[in-house]
Amino acid sequence: MAPPTSTCTAALDVALLPLFRHDVDWAQLRAVGKGRRSPLAALVPEEGEHLMQLADIGRIAGVGRAAAAQWRRRLPGFPASSGGKGTNPYLRTADVIQWLLAHRKLTMPSAAC
């Protein structure tokens, strides 16, 4: 018999939702009272690869787009572009998050599921 499974959402996934789910009214979500069903329960996971730009990287790391551009030019191992133009590239979100965490540019709360 297989052990029971439970859904565990990583803090990072939740933190990045506003960047990728523009269909959610975030002001309404924040106003949901205790004991009320969250509108997040109705979200369906999106398929495909998530991409972000330098401005998105700066936003989640708490710096400006220029700082993210400097990291891209000067620091080793910055993720390669997956599209876009030279000054406005698209990068794979998973690669960017791994790089930010590895270079201590982003800290995530530790929580057990």
N, C-alpha and C. Protein backbone atom coordinates (compact mmCIF):
# COMPACT_ATOMS: atom_id res chain seq x y z
N MET A 1 0.84 -1.17 0.00
CA MET A 1 0.00 0.00 0.00
C MET A 1 0.89 1.24 0.00
N ALA A 2 0.58 2.18 -0.85
CA ALA A 2 1.37 3.41 -0.96
C ALA A 2 1.07 4.34 0.20
N PRO A 3 2.09 5.05 0.68
CA PRO A 3 1.86 6.00 1.76
C PRO A 3 0.99 7.15 1.28
N PRO A 4 0.23 7.77 2.18
CA PRO A 4 -0.59 8.90 1.76
C PRO A 4 0.29 10.07 1.32
N THR A 5 -0.20 10.83 0.40
CA THR A 5 0.55 11.99 -0.08
C THR A 5 -0.16 13.27 0.35
N SER A 6 0.61 14.31 0.48
CA SER A 6 0.03 15.61 0.79
C SER A 6 0.68 16.65 -0.12
N THR A 7 -0.05 17.70 -0.37
CA THR A 7 0.47 18.77 -1.21
C THR A 7 1.26 19.73 -0.35
N CYS A 8 2.45 20.04 -0.81
CA CYS A 8 3.30 20.98 -0.09
C CYS A 8 3.77 22.01 -1.09
N THR A 9 3.43 23.25 -0.87
CA THR A 9 3.83 24.32 -1.76
C THR A 9 5.07 24.99 -1.19
N ALA A 10 6.10 25.06 -1.97
CA ALA A 10 7.34 25.71 -1.53
C ALA A 10 7.10 27.20 -1.35
N ALA A 11 7.77 27.78 -0.37
CA ALA A 11 7.64 29.22 -0.12
C ALA A 11 8.01 30.02 -1.36
N LEU A 12 8.98 29.53 -2.11
CA LEU A 12 9.40 30.22 -3.32
C LEU A 12 8.28 30.26 -4.35
N ASP A 13 7.57 29.15 -4.51
CA ASP A 13 6.46 29.11 -5.46
C ASP A 13 5.40 30.15 -5.10
N VAL A 14 5.11 30.27 -3.82
CA VAL A 14 4.11 31.24 -3.37
C VAL A 14 4.62 32.66 -3.57
N ALA A 15 5.89 32.90 -3.26
CA ALA A 15 6.46 34.24 -3.39
C ALA A 15 6.48 34.71 -4.84
N LEU A 16 6.61 33.79 -5.77
CA LEU A 16 6.69 34.16 -7.19
C LEU A 16 5.33 34.25 -7.88
N LEU A 17 4.27 33.85 -7.20
CA LEU A 17 2.95 33.85 -7.83
C LEU A 17 2.57 35.20 -8.45
N PRO A 18 2.75 36.33 -7.76
CA PRO A 18 2.34 37.60 -8.37
C PRO A 18 3.05 37.92 -9.68
N LEU A 19 4.26 37.38 -9.87
CA LEU A 19 4.98 37.63 -11.12
C LEU A 19 4.38 36.88 -12.30
N PHE A 20 3.78 35.74 -12.02
CA PHE A 20 3.33 34.88 -13.11
C PHE A 20 1.83 34.73 -13.23
N ARG A 21 1.11 35.04 -12.17
CA ARG A 21 -0.35 34.88 -12.21
C ARG A 21 -1.01 36.25 -12.19
N HIS A 22 -1.03 36.88 -13.35
CA HIS A 22 -1.63 38.20 -13.48
C HIS A 22 -3.15 38.13 -13.44
N ASP A 23 -3.70 36.91 -13.54
CA ASP A 23 -5.15 36.74 -13.53
C ASP A 23 -5.73 36.79 -12.12
N VAL A 24 -4.90 36.87 -11.09
CA VAL A 24 -5.36 36.88 -9.71
C VAL A 24 -5.46 38.32 -9.22
N ASP A 25 -6.56 38.66 -8.57
CA ASP A 25 -6.73 39.97 -7.94
C ASP A 25 -6.06 39.88 -6.57
N TRP A 26 -4.80 40.31 -6.50
CA TRP A 26 -4.00 40.14 -5.29
C TRP A 26 -4.51 41.00 -4.14
N ALA A 27 -5.11 42.15 -4.43
CA ALA A 27 -5.69 42.99 -3.37
C ALA A 27 -6.86 42.26 -2.72
N GLN A 28 -7.69 41.61 -3.55
CA GLN A 28 -8.82 40.85 -3.02
C GLN A 28 -8.32 39.66 -2.20
N LEU A 29 -7.29 39.02 -2.67
CA LEU A 29 -6.74 37.87 -1.97
C LEU A 29 -6.23 38.26 -0.58
N ARG A 30 -5.56 39.39 -0.50
CA ARG A 30 -5.03 39.84 0.79
C ARG A 30 -6.14 40.24 1.76
N ALA A 31 -7.34 40.54 1.22
CA ALA A 31 -8.46 40.97 2.06
C ALA A 31 -9.31 39.81 2.56
N VAL A 32 -9.00 38.58 2.16
CA VAL A 32 -9.79 37.42 2.59
C VAL A 32 -9.63 37.25 4.10
N GLY A 33 -10.75 37.19 4.78
CA GLY A 33 -10.72 37.05 6.24
C GLY A 33 -10.36 35.65 6.68
N LYS A 34 -10.02 35.54 7.96
CA LYS A 34 -9.68 34.23 8.53
C LYS A 34 -10.89 33.31 8.43
N GLY A 35 -10.61 32.06 8.11
CA GLY A 35 -11.67 31.07 8.00
C GLY A 35 -12.40 31.07 6.67
N ARG A 36 -12.04 31.96 5.76
CA ARG A 36 -12.67 32.03 4.44
C ARG A 36 -11.81 31.26 3.44
N ARG A 37 -12.43 30.70 2.43
CA ARG A 37 -11.70 29.94 1.41
C ARG A 37 -10.88 30.90 0.55
N SER A 38 -9.62 30.60 0.38
CA SER A 38 -8.72 31.42 -0.41
C SER A 38 -8.99 31.25 -1.89
N PRO A 39 -8.97 32.35 -2.66
CA PRO A 39 -9.10 32.23 -4.12
C PRO A 39 -7.96 31.43 -4.75
N LEU A 40 -6.83 31.27 -4.03
CA LEU A 40 -5.73 30.48 -4.57
C LEU A 40 -6.12 29.02 -4.74
N ALA A 41 -7.11 28.57 -4.00
CA ALA A 41 -7.54 27.17 -4.09
C ALA A 41 -8.08 26.84 -5.48
N ALA A 42 -8.54 27.86 -6.20
CA ALA A 42 -9.11 27.62 -7.53
C ALA A 42 -8.08 27.69 -8.65
N LEU A 43 -6.85 28.05 -8.35
CA LEU A 43 -5.83 28.16 -9.40
C LEU A 43 -5.45 26.79 -9.95
N VAL A 44 -5.25 26.75 -11.23
CA VAL A 44 -4.79 25.54 -11.91
C VAL A 44 -3.33 25.77 -12.28
N PRO A 45 -2.45 24.81 -11.97
CA PRO A 45 -1.04 24.99 -12.33
C PRO A 45 -0.87 25.22 -13.83
N GLU A 46 0.02 26.14 -14.18
CA GLU A 46 0.29 26.42 -15.58
C GLU A 46 1.31 25.43 -16.11
N GLU A 47 1.14 25.05 -17.33
CA GLU A 47 2.07 24.14 -17.99
C GLU A 47 3.16 24.95 -18.69
N GLY A 48 4.28 24.32 -18.93
CA GLY A 48 5.32 24.96 -19.71
C GLY A 48 6.41 25.58 -18.85
N GLU A 49 7.33 26.20 -19.54
CA GLU A 49 8.50 26.77 -18.90
C GLU A 49 8.22 28.22 -18.50
N HIS A 50 8.59 28.57 -17.29
CA HIS A 50 8.44 29.94 -16.82
C HIS A 50 9.71 30.71 -17.14
N LEU A 51 9.52 31.88 -17.72
CA LEU A 51 10.65 32.73 -18.06
C LEU A 51 10.52 34.07 -17.34
N MET A 52 11.65 34.70 -17.07
CA MET A 52 11.64 36.01 -16.44
C MET A 52 12.67 36.90 -17.08
N GLN A 53 12.53 38.21 -16.84
CA GLN A 53 13.46 39.18 -17.37
C GLN A 53 14.27 39.78 -16.22
N LEU A 54 15.24 40.60 -16.57
CA LEU A 54 16.12 41.19 -15.56
C LEU A 54 15.34 42.02 -14.54
N ALA A 55 14.31 42.72 -14.96
CA ALA A 55 13.50 43.51 -14.02
C ALA A 55 12.82 42.59 -13.00
N ASP A 56 12.36 41.42 -13.45
CA ASP A 56 11.74 40.45 -12.53
C ASP A 56 12.77 39.93 -11.52
N ILE A 57 13.97 39.67 -12.00
CA ILE A 57 15.04 39.19 -11.12
C ILE A 57 15.35 40.24 -10.06
N GLY A 58 15.48 41.49 -10.48
CA GLY A 58 15.72 42.56 -9.53
C GLY A 58 14.61 42.68 -8.51
N ARG A 59 13.36 42.55 -8.96
CA ARG A 59 12.22 42.69 -8.06
C ARG A 59 12.23 41.63 -6.97
N ILE A 60 12.46 40.37 -7.33
CA ILE A 60 12.41 39.33 -6.31
C ILE A 60 13.66 39.32 -5.43
N ALA A 61 14.76 39.89 -5.93
CA ALA A 61 15.99 39.95 -5.13
C ALA A 61 16.10 41.25 -4.33
N GLY A 62 15.14 42.16 -4.55
CA GLY A 62 15.15 43.40 -3.80
C GLY A 62 16.15 44.43 -4.29
N VAL A 63 16.49 44.35 -5.58
CA VAL A 63 17.42 45.31 -6.18
C VAL A 63 16.78 45.81 -7.48
N GLY A 64 17.44 46.71 -8.15
CA GLY A 64 16.93 47.22 -9.42
C GLY A 64 17.34 46.35 -10.60
N ARG A 65 16.78 46.66 -11.75
CA ARG A 65 17.11 45.95 -12.97
C ARG A 65 18.59 46.10 -13.31
N ALA A 66 19.14 47.29 -13.04
CA ALA A 66 20.56 47.54 -13.35
C ALA A 66 21.47 46.60 -12.55
N ALA A 67 21.13 46.34 -11.30
CA ALA A 67 21.95 45.43 -10.49
C ALA A 67 21.89 44.02 -11.07
N ALA A 68 20.71 43.60 -11.49
CA ALA A 68 20.58 42.27 -12.09
C ALA A 68 21.39 42.19 -13.39
N ALA A 69 21.40 43.27 -14.16
CA ALA A 69 22.20 43.31 -15.40
C ALA A 69 23.69 43.22 -15.09
N GLN A 70 24.12 43.87 -14.01
CA GLN A 70 25.52 43.79 -13.60
C GLN A 70 25.89 42.37 -13.19
N TRP A 71 25.02 41.71 -12.44
CA TRP A 71 25.27 40.31 -12.06
C TRP A 71 25.45 39.47 -13.30
N ARG A 72 24.60 39.70 -14.28
CA ARG A 72 24.65 38.92 -15.53
C ARG A 72 25.98 39.09 -16.23
N ARG A 73 26.50 40.32 -16.23
CA ARG A 73 27.76 40.60 -16.93
C ARG A 73 28.99 40.19 -16.12
N ARG A 74 28.94 40.35 -14.82
CA ARG A 74 30.16 40.24 -14.02
C ARG A 74 30.32 38.99 -13.17
N LEU A 75 29.22 38.35 -12.80
CA LEU A 75 29.36 37.22 -11.89
C LEU A 75 29.31 35.89 -12.64
N PRO A 76 30.12 34.94 -12.22
CA PRO A 76 30.22 33.67 -12.93
C PRO A 76 28.95 32.82 -12.79
N GLY A 77 28.68 32.09 -13.84
CA GLY A 77 27.60 31.11 -13.80
C GLY A 77 26.20 31.65 -13.89
N PHE A 78 26.05 32.95 -14.21
CA PHE A 78 24.71 33.50 -14.33
C PHE A 78 23.98 32.74 -15.45
N PRO A 79 22.71 32.43 -15.25
CA PRO A 79 21.98 31.63 -16.25
C PRO A 79 22.01 32.24 -17.65
N ALA A 80 22.07 31.36 -18.61
CA ALA A 80 22.09 31.79 -20.02
C ALA A 80 20.69 32.21 -20.45
N SER A 81 20.66 33.07 -21.43
CA SER A 81 19.40 33.55 -21.99
C SER A 81 18.65 32.42 -22.69
N SER A 82 17.33 32.43 -22.56
CA SER A 82 16.49 31.45 -23.25
C SER A 82 15.66 32.12 -24.33
N GLY A 83 16.02 33.33 -24.66
CA GLY A 83 15.27 34.08 -25.67
C GLY A 83 15.40 35.56 -25.42
N GLY A 84 14.67 36.33 -26.18
CA GLY A 84 14.72 37.78 -26.03
C GLY A 84 15.92 38.36 -26.76
N LYS A 85 16.16 39.63 -26.50
CA LYS A 85 17.27 40.33 -27.14
C LYS A 85 18.42 40.48 -26.17
N GLY A 86 19.58 40.88 -26.66
CA GLY A 86 20.78 40.98 -25.85
C GLY A 86 20.63 41.78 -24.58
N THR A 87 19.97 42.95 -24.66
CA THR A 87 19.82 43.79 -23.47
C THR A 87 18.54 43.48 -22.70
N ASN A 88 17.67 42.68 -23.25
CA ASN A 88 16.41 42.35 -22.60
C ASN A 88 16.13 40.85 -22.74
N PRO A 89 16.97 40.02 -22.12
CA PRO A 89 16.84 38.58 -22.30
C PRO A 89 15.72 37.97 -21.46
N TYR A 90 15.28 36.81 -21.87
CA TYR A 90 14.39 35.97 -21.08
C TYR A 90 15.23 34.84 -20.52
N LEU A 91 15.06 34.57 -19.22
CA LEU A 91 15.84 33.52 -18.57
C LEU A 91 14.89 32.55 -17.89
N ARG A 92 15.29 31.29 -17.82
CA ARG A 92 14.47 30.27 -17.15
C ARG A 92 14.41 30.57 -15.66
N THR A 93 13.20 30.66 -15.12
CA THR A 93 13.01 31.00 -13.72
C THR A 93 13.71 30.03 -12.79
N ALA A 94 13.61 28.74 -13.06
CA ALA A 94 14.24 27.75 -12.18
C ALA A 94 15.76 27.96 -12.11
N ASP A 95 16.38 28.25 -13.25
CA ASP A 95 17.83 28.49 -13.28
C ASP A 95 18.20 29.76 -12.51
N VAL A 96 17.39 30.79 -12.69
CA VAL A 96 17.65 32.06 -12.01
C VAL A 96 17.54 31.89 -10.49
N ILE A 97 16.50 31.22 -10.04
CA ILE A 97 16.29 31.04 -8.60
C ILE A 97 17.44 30.24 -8.00
N GLN A 98 17.87 29.19 -8.68
CA GLN A 98 19.00 28.41 -8.20
C GLN A 98 20.25 29.27 -8.09
N TRP A 99 20.49 30.10 -9.10
CA TRP A 99 21.67 30.97 -9.09
C TRP A 99 21.57 31.99 -7.95
N LEU A 100 20.41 32.62 -7.79
CA LEU A 100 20.23 33.61 -6.73
C LEU A 100 20.47 32.99 -5.35
N LEU A 101 19.95 31.81 -5.13
CA LEU A 101 20.14 31.14 -3.85
C LEU A 101 21.61 30.76 -3.64
N ALA A 102 22.25 30.23 -4.68
CA ALA A 102 23.65 29.81 -4.57
C ALA A 102 24.59 30.99 -4.29
N HIS A 103 24.24 32.16 -4.79
CA HIS A 103 25.08 33.35 -4.62
C HIS A 103 24.57 34.25 -3.50
N ARG A 104 23.67 33.73 -2.70
CA ARG A 104 23.12 34.44 -1.53
C ARG A 104 22.54 35.81 -1.88
N LYS A 105 21.90 35.86 -3.03
CA LYS A 105 21.23 37.08 -3.46
C LYS A 105 19.75 37.04 -3.09
N LEU A 106 19.30 35.87 -2.65
CA LEU A 106 17.90 35.68 -2.31
C LEU A 106 17.87 34.73 -1.13
N THR A 107 17.14 35.07 -0.11
CA THR A 107 17.01 34.18 1.03
C THR A 107 15.56 33.76 1.16
N MET A 108 15.37 32.52 1.47
CA MET A 108 14.02 31.98 1.61
C MET A 108 13.85 31.48 3.03
N PRO A 109 12.67 31.69 3.60
CA PRO A 109 12.43 31.16 4.94
C PRO A 109 12.46 29.64 4.89
N SER A 110 12.99 29.03 5.93
CA SER A 110 13.00 27.58 5.97
C SER A 110 11.76 27.11 6.71
N ALA A 111 11.06 26.20 6.06
CA ALA A 111 9.84 25.66 6.67
C ALA A 111 9.73 24.21 6.24
N ALA A 112 9.35 23.38 7.15
CA ALA A 112 9.14 21.97 6.83
C ALA A 112 7.70 21.76 6.41
N CYS A 113 7.53 20.85 5.49
CA CYS A 113 6.18 20.54 5.03
C CYS A 113 5.64 19.36 5.81
